[in-house]
Amino acid sequence: MPAQNGAPNERRNRSWWYLLFLVQFGILWPPFYNKAAPALLGIPFFYWFQLLWVIVCALVTGAVYVLTRRQ
């Protein structure tokens, strides 16, 4: 559907990128990562897995921002 100014509706094409935010829901189920092994450099799995998700979520958010901003 064309926009009011006659240009094609770009929002429709880039809306699929927002589905990447669903990846971030992996941290919401603690029984999945509530364990001590395997340790990484002496840090229990429970802690380093959460830290890894902070980094992954930041990268996903940045990627969605870059892929959906107007140029």
C-alpha atoms as a PDB file:
ATOM      1  CA  MET A   1       0.000   0.000   0.000  1.00  0.00           C
ATOM      2  CA  PRO A   2       1.517   3.344  -0.980  1.00  0.00           C
ATOM      3  CA  ALA A   3       2.092   5.989   1.641  1.00  0.00           C
ATOM      4  CA  GLN A   4       0.244   9.290   1.467  1.00  0.00           C
ATOM      5  CA  ASN A   5       3.068  10.900  -0.494  1.00  0.00           C
ATOM      6  CA  GLY A   6       3.005   8.145  -3.137  1.00  0.00           C
ATOM      7  CA  ALA A   7       6.148   6.332  -1.942  1.00  0.00           C
ATOM      8  CA  PRO A   8       5.920   2.609  -1.155  1.00  0.00           C
ATOM      9  CA  ASN A   9       5.375   1.712   2.475  1.00  0.00           C
ATOM     10  CA  GLU A  10       8.859   0.735   3.737  1.00  0.00           C
ATOM     11  CA  ARG A  11       7.623  -0.149   7.215  1.00  0.00           C
ATOM     12  CA  ARG A  12       5.972  -3.263   5.855  1.00  0.00           C
ATOM     13  CA  ASN A  13       9.273  -4.529   4.415  1.00  0.00           C
ATOM     14  CA  ARG A  14      11.393  -4.031   7.519  1.00  0.00           C
ATOM     15  CA  SER A  15       8.930  -5.210  10.157  1.00  0.00           C
ATOM     16  CA  TRP A  16      10.345  -8.752  10.021  1.00  0.00           C
ATOM     17  CA  TRP A  17      13.601  -7.526  11.598  1.00  0.00           C
ATOM     18  CA  TYR A  18      11.739  -6.885  14.846  1.00  0.00           C
ATOM     19  CA  LEU A  19      11.260 -10.635  15.237  1.00  0.00           C
ATOM     20  CA  LEU A  20      14.921 -10.804  16.244  1.00  0.00           C
ATOM     21  CA  PHE A  21      13.839  -9.378  19.595  1.00  0.00           C
ATOM     22  CA  LEU A  22      12.253 -12.762  20.337  1.00  0.00           C
ATOM     23  CA  VAL A  23      15.781 -14.172  20.710  1.00  0.00           C
ATOM     24  CA  GLN A  24      16.121 -12.136  23.884  1.00  0.00           C
ATOM     25  CA  PHE A  25      13.426 -14.146  25.637  1.00  0.00           C
ATOM     26  CA  GLY A  26      15.880 -17.051  26.018  1.00  0.00           C
ATOM     27  CA  ILE A  27      17.023 -15.658  29.362  1.00  0.00           C
ATOM     28  CA  LEU A  28      13.529 -15.744  30.874  1.00  0.00           C
ATOM     29  CA  TRP A  29      13.531 -19.458  31.686  1.00  0.00           C
ATOM     30  CA  PRO A  30      15.980 -19.918  34.614  1.00  0.00           C
ATOM     31  CA  PRO A  31      15.686 -23.731  34.868  1.00  0.00           C
ATOM     32  CA  PHE A  32      17.504 -23.819  31.525  1.00  0.00           C
ATOM     33  CA  TYR A  33      20.666 -22.263  32.967  1.00  0.00           C
ATOM     34  CA  ASN A  34      20.344 -22.813  36.739  1.00  0.00           C
ATOM     35  CA  LYS A  35      23.481 -24.931  37.167  1.00  0.00           C
ATOM     36  CA  ALA A  36      27.123 -24.511  38.097  1.00  0.00           C
ATOM     37  CA  ALA A  37      28.789 -26.597  35.390  1.00  0.00           C
ATOM     38  CA  PRO A  38      30.357 -25.989  32.931  1.00  0.00           C
ATOM     39  CA  ALA A  39      32.521 -23.320  34.499  1.00  0.00           C
ATOM     40  CA  LEU A  40      34.351 -20.835  32.313  1.00  0.00           C
ATOM     41  CA  LEU A  41      37.607 -19.544  33.815  1.00  0.00           C
ATOM     42  CA  GLY A  42      36.311 -20.511  37.253  1.00  0.00           C
ATOM     43  CA  ILE A  43      33.004 -18.665  36.800  1.00  0.00           C
ATOM     44  CA  PRO A  44      29.908 -20.878  37.226  1.00  0.00           C
ATOM     45  CA  PHE A  45      27.677 -21.348  34.199  1.00  0.00           C
ATOM     46  CA  PHE A  46      24.800 -19.457  35.832  1.00  0.00           C
ATOM     47  CA  TYR A  47      26.807 -16.211  35.892  1.00  0.00           C
ATOM     48  CA  TRP A  48      28.703 -16.328  32.623  1.00  0.00           C
ATOM     49  CA  PHE A  49      25.594 -17.395  30.706  1.00  0.00           C
ATOM     50  CA  GLN A  50      23.707 -14.319  31.941  1.00  0.00           C
ATOM     51  CA  LEU A  51      26.628 -12.071  31.035  1.00  0.00           C
ATOM     52  CA  LEU A  52      26.733 -13.640  27.580  1.00  0.00           C
ATOM     53  CA  TRP A  53      23.035 -12.808  27.132  1.00  0.00           C
ATOM     54  CA  VAL A  54      23.682  -9.161  28.027  1.00  0.00           C
ATOM     55  CA  ILE A  55      26.173  -9.001  25.161  1.00  0.00           C
ATOM     56  CA  VAL A  56      23.929 -10.953  22.752  1.00  0.00           C
ATOM     57  CA  CYS A  57      20.918  -8.753  23.540  1.00  0.00           C
ATOM     58  CA  ALA A  58      22.953  -5.584  22.986  1.00  0.00           C
ATOM     59  CA  LEU A  59      24.148  -6.898  19.617  1.00  0.00           C
ATOM     60  CA  VAL A  60      20.632  -7.915  18.562  1.00  0.00           C
ATOM     61  CA  THR A  61      19.212  -4.537  19.592  1.00  0.00           C
ATOM     62  CA  GLY A  62      21.964  -2.738  17.688  1.00  0.00           C
ATOM     63  CA  ALA A  63      21.423  -4.883  14.604  1.00  0.00           C
ATOM     64  CA  VAL A  64      17.671  -4.256  14.601  1.00  0.00           C
ATOM     65  CA  TYR A  65      18.279  -0.532  15.018  1.00  0.00           C
ATOM     66  CA  VAL A  66      20.698  -0.402  12.093  1.00  0.00           C
ATOM     67  CA  LEU A  67      18.532  -2.567   9.855  1.00  0.00           C
ATOM     68  CA  THR A  68      15.310  -0.660  10.494  1.00  0.00           C
ATOM     69  CA  ARG A  69      16.349   2.980  10.625  1.00  0.00           C
ATOM     70  CA  ARG A  70      15.398   5.226   7.760  1.00  0.00           C
ATOM     71  CA  GLN A  71      18.119   6.198   5.368  1.00  0.00           C
END
